[in-house]
Structures are given as C-alpha cells and as structure tokens.
C-alpha cells in the first residue's frame, strides 16, 4: 500500500489457528490525507494479491515511491523530544502465548512493512498486530512467537531489536538507550495516549 502512496492510520492483523490471516486497515492518501476513492479499490486489491503471492519487490517499490513523493522536510519538522525514537519494547507478560513487540517510531512510508520484515528475518511468526498512527507518530504492537510457537527468550531480544532498528534507518536511534523498565513504562504511556486519541 505504501508503494501506492497509501498511509495506514490504524490496522488490526490476526492469524487464525488454521493459518488464515484476517487483516483490517483504516487507510488514506499519504500526500493529501484524503479518503481513498472507490475507483482505486480494484487496483489496490490486485497489488495486494501480487504482493502476497511474492510477485512484487515490495521494498523496492516503497523506496521508489518514497524517493518521488514522500515529504522532504519531515526530519526537520520532528520535535527534539522525538529524537529518541524508535523505542522498542519486548514484553513476555502481556500475553499468555506470545511475546509483544512494541515499536514507537516516527511514521514513514512502509513502516509496518519494515517492522514485519525485520520480524520475519528473525524467523518469528506474527500471531496478530495492532497498528496506530497519530500525527507523525506510530505505535505498532506485534504479537510474535518463534518457529516452535513459543515466546521469544530475553537473550534473543537484542538481535531482534537490532534487526528492527536496521530497517528503520531513517529514524534516529537514541545514543543512550533507556533501561528495559524505562522503555516499557514509556511505551505503556504512549499506548494509553494513543487509545485516548483514537477513541
């Protein structure tokens, strides 16, 4: 969708026990902020079908659209208080069967795709996800398991976090990372703020 200039405002992604994925998105045009016209539905449907079938170089298409159309001055407009993003928190207590991976980042084209790609590159299965965008901020929460269907270990979180940060190279990473407890507290506050803003 990002390759077609479509922005995700919010999304809920779920995978059933039989492996069938059921995803719901709230979308708009990235350049205008307007709703998507019905005449574009079929084109988007075909593009999604080709992407799921592996027939498209999605990352390349996103970068091509971004180079041509994405706002040039976004970094300059980001307040100083946002320079500690992305923040990534791993939580094994929030779900009985999966690890929560919370990513609070500056919104950019293809953000959810980049995070999901990093998780896939780490051999993780996404059980479900909740994606929210408020102004220029995104708070994406992915429920993941390893290839055995179990939660990920604390030892694995560092390399997975590095994978995600590497994909989000357009965002600045805090030079002095917060402690895991502080990261969790910050993202819990962000989650509450988003729930209030999107209610």
N, C-alpha and C. Protein backbone atom coordinates (compact mmCIF):
# COMPACT_ATOMS: atom_id res chain seq x y z
N UNK A 1 0.83 -1.20 0.00
CA UNK A 1 0.00 0.00 0.00
C UNK A 1 0.86 1.26 0.00
N UNK A 2 1.94 1.22 0.77
CA UNK A 2 2.83 2.38 0.81
C UNK A 2 3.41 2.67 -0.57
N UNK A 3 3.62 1.62 -1.37
CA UNK A 3 4.17 1.79 -2.71
C UNK A 3 3.19 2.52 -3.62
N UNK A 4 1.91 2.58 -3.23
CA UNK A 4 0.89 3.30 -3.99
C UNK A 4 0.51 4.60 -3.31
N UNK A 5 1.31 5.02 -2.34
CA UNK A 5 1.04 6.29 -1.68
C UNK A 5 -0.11 6.22 -0.70
N UNK A 6 -0.37 5.02 -0.16
CA UNK A 6 -1.45 4.83 0.79
C UNK A 6 -0.86 4.72 2.19
N UNK A 7 -1.45 5.45 3.13
CA UNK A 7 -0.95 5.51 4.50
C UNK A 7 -1.90 4.73 5.42
N UNK A 8 -1.33 3.95 6.33
CA UNK A 8 -2.13 3.20 7.29
C UNK A 8 -2.34 4.05 8.53
N UNK A 9 -3.59 4.39 8.83
CA UNK A 9 -3.90 5.12 10.05
C UNK A 9 -4.00 4.17 11.23
N UNK A 10 -4.63 3.04 11.01
CA UNK A 10 -4.72 2.01 12.04
C UNK A 10 -4.97 0.68 11.36
N UNK A 11 -4.64 -0.39 12.05
CA UNK A 11 -4.84 -1.72 11.48
C UNK A 11 -4.89 -2.74 12.60
N UNK A 12 -5.62 -3.81 12.35
CA UNK A 12 -5.63 -4.95 13.25
C UNK A 12 -5.43 -6.20 12.39
N UNK A 13 -4.36 -6.93 12.70
CA UNK A 13 -3.99 -8.10 11.91
C UNK A 13 -4.07 -9.33 12.80
N UNK A 14 -4.73 -10.36 12.32
CA UNK A 14 -4.90 -11.58 13.10
C UNK A 14 -4.66 -12.81 12.24
N UNK A 15 -4.03 -13.82 12.83
CA UNK A 15 -3.84 -15.10 12.16
C UNK A 15 -4.57 -16.18 12.95
N UNK A 16 -5.48 -16.89 12.28
CA UNK A 16 -6.23 -17.95 12.95
C UNK A 16 -5.34 -19.17 13.17
N UNK A 17 -5.83 -20.08 13.98
CA UNK A 17 -5.07 -21.30 14.27
C UNK A 17 -4.82 -22.13 13.01
N UNK A 18 -5.71 -22.02 12.02
CA UNK A 18 -5.53 -22.78 10.78
C UNK A 18 -4.60 -22.06 9.79
N UNK A 19 -4.02 -20.92 10.23
CA UNK A 19 -3.06 -20.21 9.39
C UNK A 19 -3.66 -19.12 8.52
N UNK A 20 -4.98 -18.97 8.51
CA UNK A 20 -5.61 -17.94 7.70
C UNK A 20 -5.47 -16.58 8.37
N UNK A 21 -4.99 -15.59 7.61
CA UNK A 21 -4.81 -14.23 8.14
C UNK A 21 -6.03 -13.39 7.80
N UNK A 22 -6.53 -12.64 8.79
CA UNK A 22 -7.66 -11.73 8.60
C UNK A 22 -7.19 -10.35 9.07
N UNK A 23 -7.05 -9.43 8.12
CA UNK A 23 -6.49 -8.12 8.42
C UNK A 23 -7.48 -7.02 8.07
N UNK A 24 -7.56 -6.01 8.93
CA UNK A 24 -8.43 -4.85 8.71
C UNK A 24 -7.58 -3.59 8.78
N UNK A 25 -7.78 -2.69 7.81
CA UNK A 25 -6.98 -1.47 7.74
C UNK A 25 -7.88 -0.24 7.64
N UNK A 26 -7.44 0.85 8.25
CA UNK A 26 -8.02 2.17 8.01
C UNK A 26 -6.96 2.97 7.26
N UNK A 27 -7.31 3.42 6.05
CA UNK A 27 -6.31 3.98 5.14
C UNK A 27 -6.68 5.39 4.69
N UNK A 28 -5.66 6.09 4.15
CA UNK A 28 -5.89 7.37 3.50
C UNK A 28 -4.72 7.63 2.55
N UNK A 29 -4.87 8.61 1.67
CA UNK A 29 -3.77 9.02 0.80
C UNK A 29 -2.70 9.71 1.64
N UNK A 30 -1.45 9.29 1.45
CA UNK A 30 -0.35 9.88 2.23
C UNK A 30 -0.13 11.33 1.86
N UNK A 31 -0.29 11.68 0.59
CA UNK A 31 0.04 13.04 0.14
C UNK A 31 -1.04 14.06 0.49
N UNK A 32 -2.32 13.63 0.48
CA UNK A 32 -3.42 14.58 0.69
C UNK A 32 -4.14 14.40 2.02
N UNK A 33 -4.00 13.20 2.63
CA UNK A 33 -4.74 12.92 3.85
C UNK A 33 -6.21 12.62 3.60
N UNK A 34 -6.58 12.49 2.34
CA UNK A 34 -7.97 12.24 1.98
C UNK A 34 -8.28 10.75 1.89
N UNK A 35 -9.57 10.43 1.94
CA UNK A 35 -10.01 9.04 1.81
C UNK A 35 -9.69 8.51 0.41
N UNK A 36 -9.58 7.21 0.30
CA UNK A 36 -9.27 6.57 -0.97
C UNK A 36 -10.56 6.44 -1.79
N UNK A 37 -10.50 6.84 -3.05
CA UNK A 37 -11.68 6.77 -3.90
C UNK A 37 -11.98 5.32 -4.26
N UNK A 38 -13.25 5.02 -4.42
CA UNK A 38 -13.68 3.66 -4.71
C UNK A 38 -13.09 3.14 -6.01
N UNK A 39 -12.84 4.04 -6.97
CA UNK A 39 -12.28 3.61 -8.25
C UNK A 39 -10.88 3.01 -8.12
N UNK A 40 -10.22 3.26 -6.99
CA UNK A 40 -8.87 2.74 -6.78
C UNK A 40 -8.86 1.37 -6.09
N UNK A 41 -10.02 0.94 -5.60
CA UNK A 41 -10.08 -0.30 -4.83
C UNK A 41 -9.53 -1.50 -5.61
N UNK A 42 -9.97 -1.64 -6.85
CA UNK A 42 -9.57 -2.81 -7.63
C UNK A 42 -8.06 -2.83 -7.89
N UNK A 43 -7.49 -1.67 -8.15
CA UNK A 43 -6.04 -1.57 -8.37
C UNK A 43 -5.28 -1.98 -7.11
N UNK A 44 -5.74 -1.50 -5.95
CA UNK A 44 -5.10 -1.86 -4.69
C UNK A 44 -5.26 -3.35 -4.39
N UNK A 45 -6.44 -3.87 -4.69
CA UNK A 45 -6.69 -5.29 -4.48
C UNK A 45 -5.72 -6.15 -5.29
N UNK A 46 -5.54 -5.79 -6.56
CA UNK A 46 -4.61 -6.55 -7.41
C UNK A 46 -3.18 -6.45 -6.90
N UNK A 47 -2.79 -5.25 -6.45
CA UNK A 47 -1.43 -5.06 -5.94
C UNK A 47 -1.21 -5.89 -4.68
N UNK A 48 -2.20 -5.91 -3.79
CA UNK A 48 -2.08 -6.71 -2.56
C UNK A 48 -1.99 -8.20 -2.88
N UNK A 49 -2.79 -8.66 -3.83
CA UNK A 49 -2.75 -10.06 -4.22
C UNK A 49 -1.38 -10.44 -4.77
N UNK A 50 -0.79 -9.57 -5.59
CA UNK A 50 0.54 -9.84 -6.15
C UNK A 50 1.62 -9.80 -5.07
N UNK A 51 1.47 -8.87 -4.12
CA UNK A 51 2.45 -8.79 -3.03
C UNK A 51 2.41 -10.04 -2.17
N UNK A 52 1.20 -10.50 -1.82
CA UNK A 52 1.06 -11.71 -1.00
C UNK A 52 1.61 -12.92 -1.74
N UNK A 53 1.45 -12.94 -3.07
CA UNK A 53 1.93 -14.06 -3.87
C UNK A 53 3.44 -14.00 -4.10
N UNK A 54 4.08 -12.92 -3.64
CA UNK A 54 5.52 -12.79 -3.81
C UNK A 54 5.94 -12.36 -5.20
N UNK A 55 5.02 -11.75 -5.94
CA UNK A 55 5.31 -11.36 -7.32
C UNK A 55 5.86 -9.93 -7.43
N UNK A 56 5.88 -9.20 -6.32
CA UNK A 56 6.35 -7.82 -6.33
C UNK A 56 7.56 -7.64 -5.42
N UNK A 57 8.48 -6.78 -5.84
CA UNK A 57 9.61 -6.40 -4.97
C UNK A 57 9.12 -5.23 -4.12
N UNK A 58 8.44 -5.56 -3.02
CA UNK A 58 7.72 -4.55 -2.23
C UNK A 58 8.67 -3.46 -1.70
N UNK A 59 9.78 -3.87 -1.09
CA UNK A 59 10.71 -2.88 -0.51
C UNK A 59 11.20 -1.90 -1.57
N UNK A 60 11.50 -2.41 -2.76
CA UNK A 60 11.98 -1.56 -3.85
C UNK A 60 10.90 -0.58 -4.30
N UNK A 61 9.66 -1.04 -4.38
CA UNK A 61 8.55 -0.17 -4.78
C UNK A 61 8.29 0.92 -3.74
N UNK A 62 8.40 0.56 -2.46
CA UNK A 62 8.21 1.56 -1.40
C UNK A 62 9.26 2.65 -1.50
N UNK A 63 10.51 2.24 -1.67
CA UNK A 63 11.60 3.23 -1.75
C UNK A 63 11.46 4.11 -2.98
N UNK A 64 10.99 3.52 -4.08
CA UNK A 64 10.79 4.31 -5.30
C UNK A 64 9.71 5.38 -5.07
N UNK A 65 8.59 4.99 -4.44
CA UNK A 65 7.53 5.97 -4.17
C UNK A 65 8.04 7.02 -3.20
N UNK A 66 8.74 6.57 -2.18
CA UNK A 66 9.25 7.49 -1.15
C UNK A 66 10.19 8.52 -1.76
N UNK A 67 11.07 8.08 -2.67
CA UNK A 67 12.03 8.99 -3.29
C UNK A 67 11.33 10.06 -4.14
N UNK A 68 10.20 9.67 -4.74
CA UNK A 68 9.48 10.61 -5.62
C UNK A 68 8.49 11.51 -4.89
N UNK A 69 7.83 10.96 -3.84
CA UNK A 69 6.69 11.66 -3.29
C UNK A 69 6.75 11.98 -1.80
N UNK A 70 7.52 11.25 -1.03
CA UNK A 70 7.48 11.43 0.43
C UNK A 70 7.93 12.84 0.81
N UNK A 71 7.38 13.37 1.90
CA UNK A 71 7.77 14.72 2.34
C UNK A 71 9.27 14.81 2.57
N UNK A 72 9.88 15.85 1.99
CA UNK A 72 11.34 16.01 2.06
C UNK A 72 11.82 16.54 3.40
N UNK A 73 10.96 17.28 4.10
CA UNK A 73 11.42 18.00 5.29
C UNK A 73 10.92 17.38 6.58
N UNK A 74 10.48 16.14 6.52
CA UNK A 74 9.90 15.52 7.72
C UNK A 74 10.88 15.53 8.89
N UNK A 75 12.16 15.19 8.63
CA UNK A 75 13.14 15.13 9.72
C UNK A 75 13.29 16.48 10.40
N UNK A 76 13.25 17.57 9.59
CA UNK A 76 13.42 18.90 10.16
C UNK A 76 12.22 19.30 11.00
N UNK A 77 11.05 18.71 10.71
CA UNK A 77 9.83 19.07 11.43
C UNK A 77 9.63 18.27 12.70
N UNK A 78 10.46 17.23 12.89
CA UNK A 78 10.28 16.36 14.05
C UNK A 78 10.78 17.07 15.30
N UNK A 79 9.95 17.23 16.32
CA UNK A 79 10.39 17.90 17.54
C UNK A 79 11.57 17.19 18.18
N UNK A 80 12.37 17.95 18.92
CA UNK A 80 13.55 17.37 19.56
C UNK A 80 13.18 16.21 20.48
N UNK A 81 12.00 16.28 21.11
CA UNK A 81 11.61 15.23 22.04
C UNK A 81 11.36 13.91 21.33
N UNK A 82 11.28 13.90 19.98
CA UNK A 82 11.06 12.68 19.22
C UNK A 82 12.37 12.06 18.73
N UNK A 83 13.50 12.67 19.08
CA UNK A 83 14.77 12.16 18.59
C UNK A 83 15.23 10.90 19.33
N UNK A 84 14.45 10.45 20.32
CA UNK A 84 14.80 9.20 21.00
C UNK A 84 14.10 8.02 20.35
N UNK A 85 13.44 8.23 19.21
CA UNK A 85 12.73 7.17 18.52
C UNK A 85 13.60 6.55 17.43
N UNK A 86 13.43 5.28 17.12
CA UNK A 86 12.39 4.39 17.62
C UNK A 86 12.71 3.84 19.01
N UNK A 87 11.63 3.56 19.76
CA UNK A 87 11.75 2.85 21.03
C UNK A 87 11.13 1.47 20.81
N UNK A 88 11.83 0.45 21.23
CA UNK A 88 11.37 -0.92 21.02
C UNK A 88 11.32 -1.63 22.36
N UNK A 89 10.17 -2.20 22.68
CA UNK A 89 9.98 -2.89 23.95
C UNK A 89 9.49 -4.30 23.68
N UNK A 90 10.10 -5.26 24.38
CA UNK A 90 9.66 -6.65 24.31
C UNK A 90 8.99 -7.00 25.63
N UNK A 91 7.80 -7.57 25.55
CA UNK A 91 7.02 -7.85 26.75
C UNK A 91 6.51 -9.29 26.70
N UNK A 92 6.99 -10.11 27.64
CA UNK A 92 6.54 -11.51 27.72
C UNK A 92 5.42 -11.70 28.73
N UNK A 93 4.98 -10.62 29.35
CA UNK A 93 3.94 -10.72 30.38
C UNK A 93 2.56 -10.31 29.88
N UNK A 94 2.50 -9.60 28.76
CA UNK A 94 1.24 -9.06 28.28
C UNK A 94 0.33 -10.04 27.58
N UNK A 95 0.86 -11.21 27.22
CA UNK A 95 0.06 -12.22 26.54
C UNK A 95 0.48 -13.60 27.06
N UNK A 96 -0.47 -14.51 27.22
CA UNK A 96 -0.10 -15.84 27.73
C UNK A 96 0.65 -16.70 26.72
N UNK A 97 0.51 -16.40 25.42
CA UNK A 97 1.07 -17.29 24.41
C UNK A 97 2.07 -16.66 23.46
N UNK A 98 2.23 -15.35 23.52
CA UNK A 98 3.11 -14.67 22.55
C UNK A 98 3.89 -13.56 23.23
N UNK A 99 4.97 -13.15 22.58
CA UNK A 99 5.75 -12.00 23.02
C UNK A 99 5.24 -10.76 22.32
N UNK A 100 5.00 -9.68 23.08
CA UNK A 100 4.61 -8.42 22.48
C UNK A 100 5.86 -7.65 22.09
N UNK A 101 5.89 -7.18 20.86
CA UNK A 101 6.97 -6.31 20.39
C UNK A 101 6.33 -4.97 20.08
N UNK A 102 6.62 -3.98 20.91
CA UNK A 102 6.03 -2.65 20.74
C UNK A 102 7.08 -1.73 20.12
N UNK A 103 6.71 -1.09 19.02
CA UNK A 103 7.62 -0.18 18.34
C UNK A 103 6.96 1.19 18.26
N UNK A 104 7.53 2.15 18.94
CA UNK A 104 7.07 3.54 18.89
C UNK A 104 8.07 4.29 18.02
N UNK A 105 7.61 4.77 16.86
CA UNK A 105 8.53 5.34 15.89
C UNK A 105 7.91 6.54 15.19
N UNK A 106 8.76 7.32 14.53
CA UNK A 106 8.27 8.38 13.66
C UNK A 106 7.66 7.70 12.43
N UNK A 107 6.45 8.11 12.06
CA UNK A 107 5.79 7.48 10.93
C UNK A 107 6.54 7.77 9.64
N UNK A 108 6.57 6.78 8.77
CA UNK A 108 7.21 6.92 7.46
C UNK A 108 6.57 5.93 6.52
N UNK A 109 6.69 6.13 5.21
CA UNK A 109 6.11 5.18 4.25
C UNK A 109 6.67 3.78 4.45
N UNK A 110 5.79 2.79 4.52
CA UNK A 110 6.22 1.40 4.64
C UNK A 110 6.70 1.00 6.01
N UNK A 111 6.37 1.78 7.05
CA UNK A 111 6.88 1.49 8.39
C UNK A 111 6.46 0.10 8.87
N UNK A 112 5.16 -0.21 8.78
CA UNK A 112 4.69 -1.52 9.25
C UNK A 112 5.33 -2.65 8.47
N UNK A 113 5.52 -2.44 7.17
CA UNK A 113 6.17 -3.45 6.33
C UNK A 113 7.61 -3.68 6.79
N UNK A 114 8.33 -2.60 7.10
CA UNK A 114 9.72 -2.72 7.52
C UNK A 114 9.83 -3.49 8.84
N UNK A 115 8.94 -3.18 9.77
CA UNK A 115 8.97 -3.88 11.06
C UNK A 115 8.64 -5.35 10.86
N UNK A 116 7.58 -5.63 10.10
CA UNK A 116 7.18 -7.02 9.85
C UNK A 116 8.28 -7.79 9.13
N UNK A 117 8.99 -7.14 8.21
CA UNK A 117 10.09 -7.79 7.50
C UNK A 117 11.23 -8.13 8.45
N UNK A 118 11.50 -7.22 9.39
CA UNK A 118 12.56 -7.49 10.36
C UNK A 118 12.19 -8.68 11.24
N UNK A 119 10.92 -8.77 11.63
CA UNK A 119 10.46 -9.88 12.45
C UNK A 119 10.55 -11.19 11.67
N UNK A 120 10.15 -11.14 10.39
CA UNK A 120 10.23 -12.33 9.55
C UNK A 120 11.68 -12.76 9.35
N UNK A 121 12.59 -11.79 9.19
CA UNK A 121 14.00 -12.10 9.03
C UNK A 121 14.58 -12.75 10.28
N UNK A 122 13.93 -12.53 11.42
CA UNK A 122 14.35 -13.14 12.68
C UNK A 122 13.64 -14.48 12.92
N UNK A 123 12.96 -14.97 11.88
CA UNK A 123 12.24 -16.26 11.95
C UNK A 123 11.13 -16.27 12.99
N UNK A 124 10.43 -15.14 13.09
CA UNK A 124 9.31 -15.04 14.01
C UNK A 124 8.00 -15.07 13.24
N UNK A 125 6.98 -15.65 13.86
CA UNK A 125 5.65 -15.67 13.28
C UNK A 125 4.82 -14.57 13.96
N UNK A 126 4.11 -13.78 13.15
CA UNK A 126 3.25 -12.74 13.69
C UNK A 126 1.86 -13.34 13.90
N UNK A 127 1.47 -13.45 15.17
CA UNK A 127 0.17 -14.01 15.52
C UNK A 127 -0.92 -12.97 15.28
N UNK A 128 -0.68 -11.76 15.73
CA UNK A 128 -1.57 -10.64 15.45
C UNK A 128 -0.80 -9.34 15.65
N UNK A 129 -1.39 -8.25 15.19
CA UNK A 129 -0.73 -6.96 15.32
C UNK A 129 -1.77 -5.86 15.38
N UNK A 130 -1.40 -4.77 16.04
CA UNK A 130 -2.24 -3.58 16.09
C UNK A 130 -1.37 -2.38 15.73
N UNK A 131 -1.81 -1.66 14.74
CA UNK A 131 -1.02 -0.55 14.20
C UNK A 131 -1.82 0.73 14.38
N UNK A 132 -1.18 1.77 14.90
CA UNK A 132 -1.86 3.04 15.10
C UNK A 132 -0.93 4.18 14.74
N UNK A 133 -1.49 5.19 14.06
CA UNK A 133 -0.75 6.38 13.69
C UNK A 133 -1.51 7.61 14.20
N UNK A 134 -0.79 8.48 14.85
CA UNK A 134 -1.38 9.73 15.35
C UNK A 134 -0.42 10.85 14.99
N UNK A 135 -0.85 11.71 14.06
CA UNK A 135 0.01 12.76 13.52
C UNK A 135 1.25 12.14 12.91
N UNK A 136 2.44 12.47 13.40
CA UNK A 136 3.65 11.91 12.79
C UNK A 136 4.21 10.74 13.57
N UNK A 137 3.48 10.26 14.57
CA UNK A 137 3.96 9.15 15.40
C UNK A 137 3.21 7.86 15.08
N UNK A 138 3.91 6.76 15.22
CA UNK A 138 3.29 5.44 15.05
C UNK A 138 3.60 4.61 16.28
N UNK A 139 2.60 3.85 16.71
CA UNK A 139 2.80 2.87 17.78
C UNK A 139 2.27 1.54 17.26
N UNK A 140 3.18 0.66 16.91
CA UNK A 140 2.83 -0.63 16.33
C UNK A 140 3.16 -1.73 17.32
N UNK A 141 2.19 -2.60 17.57
CA UNK A 141 2.37 -3.70 18.52
C UNK A 141 2.17 -5.02 17.79
N UNK A 142 3.18 -5.86 17.81
CA UNK A 142 3.14 -7.16 17.15
C UNK A 142 3.20 -8.26 18.21
N UNK A 143 2.30 -9.23 18.11
CA UNK A 143 2.33 -10.40 18.96
C UNK A 143 3.04 -11.49 18.17
N UNK A 144 4.19 -11.97 18.67
CA UNK A 144 5.00 -12.89 17.88
C UNK A 144 5.36 -14.14 18.68
N UNK A 145 5.65 -15.20 17.94
CA UNK A 145 6.18 -16.43 18.52
C UNK A 145 7.36 -16.88 17.67
N UNK A 146 8.18 -17.77 18.22
CA UNK A 146 9.28 -18.32 17.43
C UNK A 146 8.75 -19.45 16.55
N UNK A 147 9.65 -20.10 15.83
CA UNK A 147 9.23 -21.15 14.89
C UNK A 147 8.60 -22.35 15.58
N UNK A 148 8.82 -22.47 16.90
CA UNK A 148 8.21 -23.57 17.66
C UNK A 148 6.87 -23.16 18.28
N UNK A 149 6.44 -21.93 18.01
CA UNK A 149 5.18 -21.45 18.57
C UNK A 149 5.28 -20.97 20.00
N UNK A 150 6.52 -20.73 20.46
CA UNK A 150 6.73 -20.29 21.85
C UNK A 150 7.15 -18.81 21.87
N UNK A 151 7.10 -18.23 23.07
CA UNK A 151 7.58 -16.87 23.24
C UNK A 151 9.08 -16.80 22.97
N UNK A 152 9.55 -15.62 22.61
CA UNK A 152 10.99 -15.46 22.37
C UNK A 152 11.69 -15.23 23.70
N UNK A 153 12.94 -15.66 23.77
CA UNK A 153 13.70 -15.53 25.02
C UNK A 153 14.28 -14.13 25.13
N UNK A 154 14.63 -13.75 26.36
CA UNK A 154 15.24 -12.44 26.59
C UNK A 154 16.56 -12.32 25.85
N UNK A 155 17.27 -13.44 25.71
CA UNK A 155 18.55 -13.41 25.01
C UNK A 155 18.40 -13.06 23.53
N UNK A 156 17.23 -13.36 22.96
CA UNK A 156 17.01 -13.10 21.53
C UNK A 156 16.58 -11.67 21.24
N UNK A 157 16.11 -10.97 22.26
CA UNK A 157 15.51 -9.66 22.01
C UNK A 157 16.52 -8.64 21.48
N UNK A 158 17.77 -8.73 21.90
CA UNK A 158 18.76 -7.74 21.45
C UNK A 158 18.98 -7.82 19.95
N UNK A 159 19.16 -9.03 19.42
CA UNK A 159 19.39 -9.17 17.99
C UNK A 159 18.14 -8.80 17.19
N UNK A 160 16.97 -9.12 17.71
CA UNK A 160 15.73 -8.77 17.02
C UNK A 160 15.55 -7.25 17.00
N UNK A 161 15.84 -6.61 18.14
CA UNK A 161 15.78 -5.15 18.19
C UNK A 161 16.72 -4.51 17.19
N UNK A 162 17.91 -5.09 17.03
CA UNK A 162 18.87 -4.56 16.05
C UNK A 162 18.34 -4.71 14.63
N UNK A 163 17.67 -5.84 14.37
CA UNK A 163 17.07 -6.06 13.05
C UNK A 163 16.05 -4.97 12.75
N UNK A 164 15.20 -4.67 13.72
CA UNK A 164 14.16 -3.66 13.51
C UNK A 164 14.80 -2.28 13.30
N UNK A 165 15.77 -1.92 14.15
CA UNK A 165 16.42 -0.61 14.02
C UNK A 165 17.13 -0.48 12.68
N UNK A 166 17.72 -1.56 12.20
CA UNK A 166 18.42 -1.52 10.91
C UNK A 166 17.44 -1.21 9.78
N UNK A 167 16.22 -1.73 9.88
CA UNK A 167 15.21 -1.47 8.85
C UNK A 167 14.67 -0.05 8.93
N UNK A 168 14.71 0.52 10.13
CA UNK A 168 14.17 1.87 10.33
C UNK A 168 15.30 2.89 10.33
N UNK A 169 16.23 2.74 9.41
CA UNK A 169 17.43 3.57 9.39
C UNK A 169 17.14 5.04 9.18
N UNK A 170 15.93 5.36 8.70
CA UNK A 170 15.57 6.76 8.51
C UNK A 170 15.26 7.46 9.82
N UNK A 171 15.03 6.68 10.87
CA UNK A 171 14.77 7.26 12.19
C UNK A 171 16.04 7.30 13.01
N UNK A 172 16.17 8.30 13.85
CA UNK A 172 17.32 8.37 14.73
C UNK A 172 17.13 7.43 15.90
N UNK A 173 18.22 6.81 16.33
CA UNK A 173 18.18 5.92 17.47
C UNK A 173 18.87 6.61 18.63
N UNK A 174 18.27 6.52 19.80
CA UNK A 174 18.85 7.14 20.98
C UNK A 174 20.26 6.64 21.23
N UNK A 175 21.20 7.57 21.43
CA UNK A 175 22.59 7.18 21.68
C UNK A 175 22.72 6.47 23.01
N UNK A 176 21.97 6.92 24.00
CA UNK A 176 21.98 6.28 25.31
C UNK A 176 20.63 5.61 25.52
N UNK A 177 20.55 4.30 25.24
CA UNK A 177 19.25 3.64 25.35
C UNK A 177 18.76 3.59 26.78
N UNK A 178 17.43 3.66 26.94
CA UNK A 178 16.83 3.56 28.26
C UNK A 178 16.90 2.12 28.74
N UNK A 179 16.75 1.94 30.04
CA UNK A 179 16.69 0.59 30.59
C UNK A 179 15.41 -0.07 30.10
N UNK A 180 15.34 -1.42 30.08
CA UNK A 180 14.11 -2.10 29.65
C UNK A 180 12.88 -1.66 30.44
N UNK A 181 13.07 -1.40 31.75
CA UNK A 181 11.94 -0.98 32.58
C UNK A 181 11.44 0.40 32.13
N UNK A 182 12.39 1.32 31.85
CA UNK A 182 12.01 2.66 31.40
C UNK A 182 11.36 2.61 30.03
N UNK A 183 11.91 1.78 29.12
CA UNK A 183 11.33 1.62 27.78
C UNK A 183 9.89 1.15 27.89
N UNK A 184 9.65 0.15 28.75
CA UNK A 184 8.31 -0.40 28.90
C UNK A 184 7.36 0.67 29.44
N UNK A 185 7.82 1.44 30.42
CA UNK A 185 6.98 2.48 31.01
C UNK A 185 6.65 3.55 29.98
N UNK A 186 7.63 3.95 29.17
CA UNK A 186 7.40 4.96 28.15
C UNK A 186 6.40 4.48 27.11
N UNK A 187 6.54 3.22 26.66
CA UNK A 187 5.62 2.72 25.64
C UNK A 187 4.23 2.45 26.21
N UNK A 188 4.14 2.11 27.49
CA UNK A 188 2.82 1.95 28.10
C UNK A 188 2.09 3.30 28.13
N UNK A 189 2.82 4.36 28.43
CA UNK A 189 2.23 5.70 28.40
C UNK A 189 1.81 6.05 26.98
N UNK A 190 2.67 5.74 26.01
CA UNK A 190 2.34 6.02 24.61
C UNK A 190 1.08 5.27 24.19
N UNK A 191 0.96 4.00 24.63
CA UNK A 191 -0.20 3.20 24.27
C UNK A 191 -1.47 3.82 24.84
N UNK A 192 -1.41 4.28 26.10
CA UNK A 192 -2.58 4.92 26.70
C UNK A 192 -2.94 6.20 25.95
N UNK A 193 -1.92 6.98 25.56
CA UNK A 193 -2.17 8.22 24.83
C UNK A 193 -2.84 7.93 23.49
N UNK A 194 -2.38 6.89 22.81
CA UNK A 194 -2.96 6.54 21.51
C UNK A 194 -4.40 6.07 21.67
N UNK A 195 -4.64 5.26 22.68
CA UNK A 195 -6.00 4.77 22.89
C UNK A 195 -6.95 5.93 23.15
N UNK A 196 -6.46 6.94 23.87
CA UNK A 196 -7.28 8.12 24.14
C UNK A 196 -7.50 8.91 22.86
N UNK A 197 -6.42 9.08 22.07
CA UNK A 197 -6.51 9.88 20.85
C UNK A 197 -7.38 9.23 19.80
N UNK A 198 -7.36 7.90 19.74
CA UNK A 198 -8.09 7.20 18.69
C UNK A 198 -9.48 6.80 19.11
N UNK A 199 -9.84 7.04 20.39
CA UNK A 199 -11.18 6.64 20.88
C UNK A 199 -12.27 7.48 20.22
